[in-house]
C-alpha atoms as a PDB file:
ATOM      1  CA  MET A   1      -8.492   4.213 -10.480  1.00  0.00           C
ATOM      2  CA  PHE A   2      -8.275   5.819  -7.036  1.00  0.00           C
ATOM      3  CA  ASN A   3     -10.758   8.396  -5.774  1.00  0.00           C
ATOM      4  CA  GLU A   4      -9.592  11.995  -6.023  1.00  0.00           C
ATOM      5  CA  LYS A   5     -10.108  12.453  -2.283  1.00  0.00           C
ATOM      6  CA  TYR A   6      -6.780  10.704  -1.698  1.00  0.00           C
ATOM      7  CA  LYS A   7      -3.415  12.457  -1.808  1.00  0.00           C
ATOM      8  CA  PHE A   8      -0.861  10.590  -3.935  1.00  0.00           C
ATOM      9  CA  THR A   9       2.203  11.882  -5.778  1.00  0.00           C
ATOM     10  CA  THR A  10       3.213   8.573  -7.397  1.00  0.00           C
ATOM     11  CA  GLU A  11       1.564   5.551  -9.036  1.00  0.00           C
ATOM     12  CA  TRP A  12       4.266   2.983  -8.278  1.00  0.00           C
ATOM     13  CA  PHE A  13       1.872   0.450  -6.766  1.00  0.00           C
ATOM     14  CA  ASP A  14      -0.573   0.362  -9.673  1.00  0.00           C
ATOM     15  CA  ILE A  15       1.451  -2.207 -11.637  1.00  0.00           C
ATOM     16  CA  ALA A  16       0.640  -4.744  -8.901  1.00  0.00           C
ATOM     17  CA  ILE A  17      -3.148  -4.274  -8.923  1.00  0.00           C
ATOM     18  CA  PRO A  18      -3.990  -7.020 -11.487  1.00  0.00           C
ATOM     19  CA  THR A  19      -1.957  -9.620  -9.550  1.00  0.00           C
ATOM     20  CA  TRP A  20      -3.353  -8.528  -6.188  1.00  0.00           C
ATOM     21  CA  THR A  21      -6.893  -8.542  -7.589  1.00  0.00           C
ATOM     22  CA  GLU A  22      -6.487 -12.130  -8.744  1.00  0.00           C
ATOM     23  CA  LEU A  23      -4.882 -13.207  -5.475  1.00  0.00           C
ATOM     24  CA  PHE A  24      -7.104 -11.462  -2.939  1.00  0.00           C
ATOM     25  CA  VAL A  25     -10.374 -10.535  -4.673  1.00  0.00           C
ATOM     26  CA  ASN A  26     -11.007 -13.240  -7.258  1.00  0.00           C
ATOM     27  CA  ASN A  27      -9.815 -16.006  -4.928  1.00  0.00           C
ATOM     28  CA  LYS A  28     -11.654 -14.423  -1.975  1.00  0.00           C
ATOM     29  CA  LYS A  29      -8.601 -14.656   0.266  1.00  0.00           C
ATOM     30  CA  GLN A  30      -9.572 -13.762   3.826  1.00  0.00           C
ATOM     31  CA  ILE A  31      -7.255 -11.138   5.304  1.00  0.00           C
ATOM     32  CA  LYS A  32      -7.842  -9.523   8.682  1.00  0.00           C
ATOM     33  CA  ASP A  33      -4.467  -8.468  10.130  1.00  0.00           C
ATOM     34  CA  VAL A  34      -1.918  -6.705   7.903  1.00  0.00           C
ATOM     35  CA  LEU A  35       1.637  -5.500   8.437  1.00  0.00           C
ATOM     36  CA  GLU A  36       3.109  -3.194   5.803  1.00  0.00           C
ATOM     37  CA  ILE A  37       6.850  -2.526   6.015  1.00  0.00           C
ATOM     38  CA  GLY A  38       7.383   0.641   4.018  1.00  0.00           C
ATOM     39  CA  CYS A  39       4.002   2.241   3.307  1.00  0.00           C
ATOM     40  CA  TYR A  40       5.067   5.566   1.720  1.00  0.00           C
ATOM     41  CA  GLU A  41       1.843   7.524   1.012  1.00  0.00           C
ATOM     42  CA  GLY A  42      -0.376   4.476   1.383  1.00  0.00           C
ATOM     43  CA  ARG A  43      -1.364   3.590  -2.164  1.00  0.00           C
ATOM     44  CA  ALA A  44      -1.157  -0.151  -1.445  1.00  0.00           C
ATOM     45  CA  THR A  45      -2.719   0.500   1.953  1.00  0.00           C
ATOM     46  CA  VAL A  46      -5.753   2.191   0.430  1.00  0.00           C
ATOM     47  CA  TRP A  47      -6.198  -0.536  -2.166  1.00  0.00           C
ATOM     48  CA  LEU A  48      -6.231  -3.242   0.512  1.00  0.00           C
ATOM     49  CA  CYS A  49      -8.624  -1.262   2.679  1.00  0.00           C
ATOM     50  CA  GLU A  50     -11.010  -0.694  -0.213  1.00  0.00           C
ATOM     51  CA  ASN A  51     -10.902  -4.195  -1.687  1.00  0.00           C
ATOM     52  CA  VAL A  52      -9.842  -6.742   0.925  1.00  0.00           C
ATOM     53  CA  LEU A  53     -10.168  -5.668   4.567  1.00  0.00           C
ATOM     54  CA  ASN A  54     -13.915  -6.016   4.960  1.00  0.00           C
ATOM     55  CA  GLN A  55     -13.942  -8.072   8.157  1.00  0.00           C
ATOM     56  CA  PRO A  56     -15.015  -6.469  11.434  1.00  0.00           C
ATOM     57  CA  GLY A  57     -12.042  -5.862  13.699  1.00  0.00           C
ATOM     58  CA  SER A  58      -9.448  -5.700  10.921  1.00  0.00           C
ATOM     59  CA  THR A  59      -6.075  -4.274  11.949  1.00  0.00           C
ATOM     60  CA  TYR A  60      -3.428  -2.583   9.842  1.00  0.00           C
ATOM     61  CA  GLU A  61       0.057  -1.808  11.136  1.00  0.00           C
ATOM     62  CA  VAL A  62       2.690   0.093   9.191  1.00  0.00           C
ATOM     63  CA  VAL A  63       6.397   0.601   9.754  1.00  0.00           C
ATOM     64  CA  ASP A  64       8.030   3.511   7.961  1.00  0.00           C
ATOM     65  CA  THR A  65      10.495   6.343   8.455  1.00  0.00           C
ATOM     66  CA  PHE A  66       8.334   8.387   6.039  1.00  0.00           C
ATOM     67  CA  GLY A  67      11.534   9.545   4.406  1.00  0.00           C
ATOM     68  CA  GLY A  68      11.463   7.227   1.379  1.00  0.00           C
ATOM     69  CA  SER A  69      13.618   4.180   0.657  1.00  0.00           C
ATOM     70  CA  LEU A  70      16.884   6.133   0.896  1.00  0.00           C
ATOM     71  CA  SER A  71      15.981   7.113   4.426  1.00  0.00           C
ATOM     72  CA  GLU A  72      15.022   3.542   5.298  1.00  0.00           C
ATOM     73  CA  SER A  73      18.484   2.354   4.283  1.00  0.00           C
ATOM     74  CA  GLY A  74      20.209   5.239   6.073  1.00  0.00           C
ATOM     75  CA  MET A  75      21.450   6.857   2.845  1.00  0.00           C
ATOM     76  CA  ILE A  76      19.998  10.330   3.476  1.00  0.00           C
ATOM     77  CA  HIS A  77      22.177  12.273   5.886  1.00  0.00           C
ATOM     78  CA  ASP A  78      20.841  15.790   5.303  1.00  0.00           C
ATOM     79  CA  LYS A  79      18.581  16.328   8.337  1.00  0.00           C
ATOM     80  CA  GLU A  80      16.574  19.154   6.781  1.00  0.00           C
ATOM     81  CA  GLN A  81      15.965  17.189   3.568  1.00  0.00           C
ATOM     82  CA  LEU A  82      14.960  14.120   5.552  1.00  0.00           C
ATOM     83  CA  GLU A  83      12.558  15.958   7.843  1.00  0.00           C
ATOM     84  CA  GLN A  84      10.850  17.901   5.032  1.00  0.00           C
ATOM     85  CA  GLY A  85      10.381  14.840   2.834  1.00  0.00           C
ATOM     86  CA  ALA A  86       9.135  12.718   5.717  1.00  0.00           C
ATOM     87  CA  LEU A  87       6.661  15.413   6.765  1.00  0.00           C
ATOM     88  CA  THR A  88       4.987  15.497   3.349  1.00  0.00           C
ATOM     89  CA  ILE A  89       4.862  11.705   2.993  1.00  0.00           C
ATOM     90  CA  GLU A  90       3.477  11.159   6.476  1.00  0.00           C
ATOM     91  CA  GLU A  91       0.856  13.891   6.066  1.00  0.00           C
ATOM     92  CA  ASN A  92      -0.366  12.290   2.847  1.00  0.00           C
ATOM     93  CA  PHE A  93      -0.466   8.839   4.431  1.00  0.00           C
ATOM     94  CA  ARG A  94      -2.440   9.990   7.458  1.00  0.00           C
ATOM     95  CA  HIS A  95      -4.835  11.877   5.181  1.00  0.00           C
ATOM     96  CA  ASN A  96      -5.420   8.781   3.046  1.00  0.00           C
ATOM     97  CA  ILE A  97      -6.178   6.358   5.882  1.00  0.00           C
ATOM     98  CA  GLN A  98      -8.686   8.659   7.579  1.00  0.00           C
ATOM     99  CA  PHE A  99     -11.367   7.360   5.218  1.00  0.00           C
ATOM    100  CA  PHE A 100     -11.330   3.916   6.859  1.00  0.00           C
ATOM    101  CA  PRO A 101     -12.545   4.499  10.426  1.00  0.00           C
ATOM    102  CA  ASP A 102     -13.557   0.848  10.891  1.00  0.00           C
ATOM    103  CA  ILE A 103      -9.978  -0.380  10.463  1.00  0.00           C
ATOM    104  CA  GLU A 104      -7.648  -0.130  13.443  1.00  0.00           C
ATOM    105  CA  PHE A 105      -4.412   1.501  12.268  1.00  0.00           C
ATOM    106  CA  THR A 106      -1.138   1.515  14.165  1.00  0.00           C
ATOM    107  CA  ILE A 107       1.760   3.568  12.826  1.00  0.00           C
ATOM    108  CA  HIS A 108       5.296   2.680  13.912  1.00  0.00           C
ATOM    109  CA  LYS A 109       7.544   5.520  12.805  1.00  0.00           C
ATOM    110  CA  GLY A 110      11.166   4.404  12.577  1.00  0.00           C
ATOM    111  CA  LEU A 111      13.618   2.035  10.940  1.00  0.00           C
ATOM    112  CA  SER A 112      12.153  -1.406  10.365  1.00  0.00           C
ATOM    113  CA  GLN A 113      15.194  -3.188  11.825  1.00  0.00           C
ATOM    114  CA  LYS A 114      14.504  -1.441  15.139  1.00  0.00           C
ATOM    115  CA  VAL A 115      10.706  -1.658  15.128  1.00  0.00           C
ATOM    116  CA  LEU A 116      10.062  -5.212  13.916  1.00  0.00           C
ATOM    117  CA  PRO A 117      11.739  -6.998  16.864  1.00  0.00           C
ATOM    118  CA  GLN A 118       9.262  -5.200  19.127  1.00  0.00           C
ATOM    119  CA  LEU A 119       6.258  -6.719  17.322  1.00  0.00           C
ATOM    120  CA  GLU A 120       7.038 -10.353  18.102  1.00  0.00           C
ATOM    121  CA  LYS A 121       3.823 -10.958  20.061  1.00  0.00           C
ATOM    122  CA  LYS A 122       1.608 -10.171  17.038  1.00  0.00           C
ATOM    123  CA  GLN A 123       0.880 -12.442  14.053  1.00  0.00           C
ATOM    124  CA  TYR A 124      -0.343 -11.290  10.649  1.00  0.00           C
ATOM    125  CA  ASP A 125      -2.317 -12.713   7.702  1.00  0.00           C
ATOM    126  CA  LEU A 126      -0.437 -10.555   5.199  1.00  0.00           C
ATOM    127  CA  ILE A 127       2.950  -8.874   5.357  1.00  0.00           C
ATOM    128  CA  TYR A 128       3.988  -6.577   2.519  1.00  0.00           C
ATOM    129  CA  ILE A 129       7.652  -5.518   2.338  1.00  0.00           C
ATOM    130  CA  ASP A 130       8.393  -2.346   0.380  1.00  0.00           C
ATOM    131  CA  ALA A 131      11.023  -0.512   2.401  1.00  0.00           C
ATOM    132  CA  SER A 132      14.731  -0.315   1.610  1.00  0.00           C
ATOM    133  CA  HIS A 133      16.095  -1.087  -1.841  1.00  0.00           C
ATOM    134  CA  ARG A 134      19.204  -2.688  -0.349  1.00  0.00           C
ATOM    135  CA  ALA A 135      19.525  -6.483  -0.383  1.00  0.00           C
ATOM    136  CA  ASP A 136      20.787  -6.737   3.195  1.00  0.00           C
ATOM    137  CA  ASP A 137      18.005  -4.540   4.586  1.00  0.00           C
ATOM    138  CA  THR A 138      15.425  -6.575   2.679  1.00  0.00           C
ATOM    139  CA  LEU A 139      16.825  -9.829   4.060  1.00  0.00           C
ATOM    140  CA  VAL A 140      16.588  -8.488   7.616  1.00  0.00           C
ATOM    141  CA  ASP A 141      13.004  -7.319   7.047  1.00  0.00           C
ATOM    142  CA  ALA A 142      12.153 -10.733   5.599  1.00  0.00           C
ATOM    143  CA  TYR A 143      13.682 -12.551   8.567  1.00  0.00           C
ATOM    144  CA  PHE A 144      11.477 -10.698  11.040  1.00  0.00           C
ATOM    145  CA  ALA A 145       8.454 -10.952   8.737  1.00  0.00           C
ATOM    146  CA  HIS A 146       8.851 -14.733   8.683  1.00  0.00           C
ATOM    147  CA  LYS A 147       8.558 -14.811  12.470  1.00  0.00           C
ATOM    148  CA  LEU A 148       5.496 -12.555  12.423  1.00  0.00           C
ATOM    149  CA  LEU A 149       3.536 -14.282   9.641  1.00  0.00           C
ATOM    150  CA  LYS A 150       0.751 -16.720  10.489  1.00  0.00           C
ATOM    151  CA  PRO A 151       0.800 -20.220   8.963  1.00  0.00           C
ATOM    152  CA  GLY A 152      -1.153 -19.870   5.738  1.00  0.00           C
ATOM    153  CA  GLY A 153      -0.281 -16.161   5.635  1.00  0.00           C
ATOM    154  CA  ILE A 154       0.973 -14.311   2.571  1.00  0.00           C
ATOM    155  CA  LEU A 155       4.335 -12.558   2.263  1.00  0.00           C
ATOM    156  CA  ILE A 156       4.811 -10.145  -0.657  1.00  0.00           C
ATOM    157  CA  PHE A 157       7.985  -8.301  -1.631  1.00  0.00           C
ATOM    158  CA  ASP A 158       7.954  -5.237  -3.851  1.00  0.00           C
ATOM    159  CA  ASP A 159      10.816  -4.288  -6.200  1.00  0.00           C
ATOM    160  CA  PHE A 160      11.994  -7.860  -6.859  1.00  0.00           C
ATOM    161  CA  GLY A 161      12.600  -6.759 -10.443  1.00  0.00           C
ATOM    162  CA  TRP A 162      14.081  -3.351  -9.627  1.00  0.00           C
ATOM    163  CA  LYS A 163      17.689  -2.439 -10.399  1.00  0.00           C
ATOM    164  CA  ASP A 164      19.500   0.780  -9.553  1.00  0.00           C
ATOM    165  CA  PRO A 165      20.439   2.224 -12.987  1.00  0.00           C
ATOM    166  CA  LYS A 166      23.337   4.104 -11.391  1.00  0.00           C
ATOM    167  CA  ASP A 167      24.807   1.099  -9.593  1.00  0.00           C
ATOM    168  CA  LEU A 168      24.049  -2.468 -10.682  1.00  0.00           C
ATOM    169  CA  SER A 169      25.790  -4.032  -7.691  1.00  0.00           C
ATOM    170  CA  PRO A 170      23.547  -6.801  -6.248  1.00  0.00           C
ATOM    171  CA  ILE A 171      23.614  -5.137  -2.836  1.00  0.00           C
ATOM    172  CA  ASN A 172      21.638  -2.217  -4.301  1.00  0.00           C
ATOM    173  CA  SER A 173      18.618  -4.310  -5.266  1.00  0.00           C
ATOM    174  CA  PRO A 174      16.127  -6.203  -3.070  1.00  0.00           C
ATOM    175  CA  GLU A 175      16.363  -9.253  -5.344  1.00  0.00           C
ATOM    176  CA  LEU A 176      19.464 -10.799  -3.754  1.00  0.00           C
ATOM    177  CA  GLY A 177      18.025 -10.394  -0.259  1.00  0.00           C
ATOM    178  CA  ILE A 178      14.747 -12.014  -1.336  1.00  0.00           C
ATOM    179  CA  ARG A 179      16.520 -14.920  -3.004  1.00  0.00           C
ATOM    180  CA  MET A 180      18.672 -15.468   0.076  1.00  0.00           C
ATOM    181  CA  PHE A 181      15.567 -15.465   2.260  1.00  0.00           C
ATOM    182  CA  TYR A 182      13.822 -18.034   0.070  1.00  0.00           C
ATOM    183  CA  GLN A 183      16.919 -20.210  -0.033  1.00  0.00           C
ATOM    184  CA  LEU A 184      16.917 -20.284   3.769  1.00  0.00           C
ATOM    185  CA  TYR A 185      13.198 -20.876   4.232  1.00  0.00           C
ATOM    186  CA  GLN A 186      12.028 -22.524   1.008  1.00  0.00           C
ATOM    187  CA  SER A 187      10.823 -25.622   2.869  1.00  0.00           C
ATOM    188  CA  GLU A 188       8.347 -23.397   4.701  1.00  0.00           C
ATOM    189  CA  TYR A 189       6.973 -21.413   1.757  1.00  0.00           C
ATOM    190  CA  GLU A 190       5.279 -21.922  -1.588  1.00  0.00           C
ATOM    191  CA  LEU A 191       5.784 -19.466  -4.428  1.00  0.00           C
ATOM    192  CA  LEU A 192       2.547 -17.716  -5.423  1.00  0.00           C
ATOM    193  CA  PHE A 193       3.785 -15.438  -8.198  1.00  0.00           C
ATOM    194  CA  GLU A 194       6.967 -13.878  -9.520  1.00  0.00           C
ATOM    195  CA  GLY A 195       7.460 -10.760 -11.600  1.00  0.00           C
ATOM    196  CA  TYR A 196       8.313  -7.217 -10.599  1.00  0.00           C
ATOM    197  CA  GLN A 197       6.930  -8.321  -7.239  1.00  0.00           C
ATOM    198  CA  VAL A 198       7.164 -11.785  -5.726  1.00  0.00           C
ATOM    199  CA  GLY A 199       4.731 -13.436  -3.342  1.00  0.00           C
ATOM    200  CA  PHE A 200       4.831 -16.498  -1.095  1.00  0.00           C
ATOM    201  CA  VAL A 201       2.401 -18.344   1.151  1.00  0.00           C
ATOM    202  CA  LYS A 202       3.635 -19.754   4.442  1.00  0.00           C
ATOM    203  CA  LYS A 203       2.895 -23.449   4.718  1.00  0.00           C
ATOM    204  CA  ASN A 204       0.885 -24.828   7.599  1.00  0.00           C
ATOM    205  CA  PRO A 205       3.134 -27.007   9.757  1.00  0.00           C
ATOM    206  CA  ASN A 206       2.442 -30.721   9.744  1.00  0.00           C
ATOM    207  CA  LYS A 207       0.082 -31.650  12.532  1.00  0.00           C
ATOM    208  CA  ILE A 208       1.340 -34.286  14.932  1.00  0.00           C
ATOM    209  CA  THR A 209      -1.254 -36.734  16.193  1.00  0.00           C
ATOM    210  CA  LEU A 210      -0.527 -38.040  19.658  1.00  0.00           C
ATOM    211  CA  VAL A 211      -1.533 -41.663  20.246  1.00  0.00           C
END
């Protein structure tokens, strides 16, 4: 499905391709500015670049520790393990995006809770959240994403259907954080799809006509 020139060690994103194809390709959804929170090796990134981001001047920003979801949630404390894993992931990501010279990439390396508040001046057409597997981290990411998403923009969460087989506590799954976010902001969003992932579109605010 992906060209062999790319470097990938997992196929986690591939389950989402039919839904994303229907949403972005078949419906010809125009996307120019993307923010991806948790990019890993860039499998979703590459798919969007190949299939969706065909407008001149497209921008793509990513936020990642490049240490995996355990690093994003602060659960890896072994410095050597963290640095070695992050090095491999980041190398693969940078290799994979080099094939899209017409897209302006910006890489923010760090924890999303620290990076996202610094991006408040930018607005995005699509924000994809696939960082920590913890509910509280996901809620925080969603809060900042809401502020950064353009009216009419799309917000997609990965791992809505994921559960930690070793610990079924709700805090260890993104689902609770996503549901809490939607409960807070449901008047401002419409549900697009729900499955292993869940997607929303941000409503355009009502226009006020001055007499």
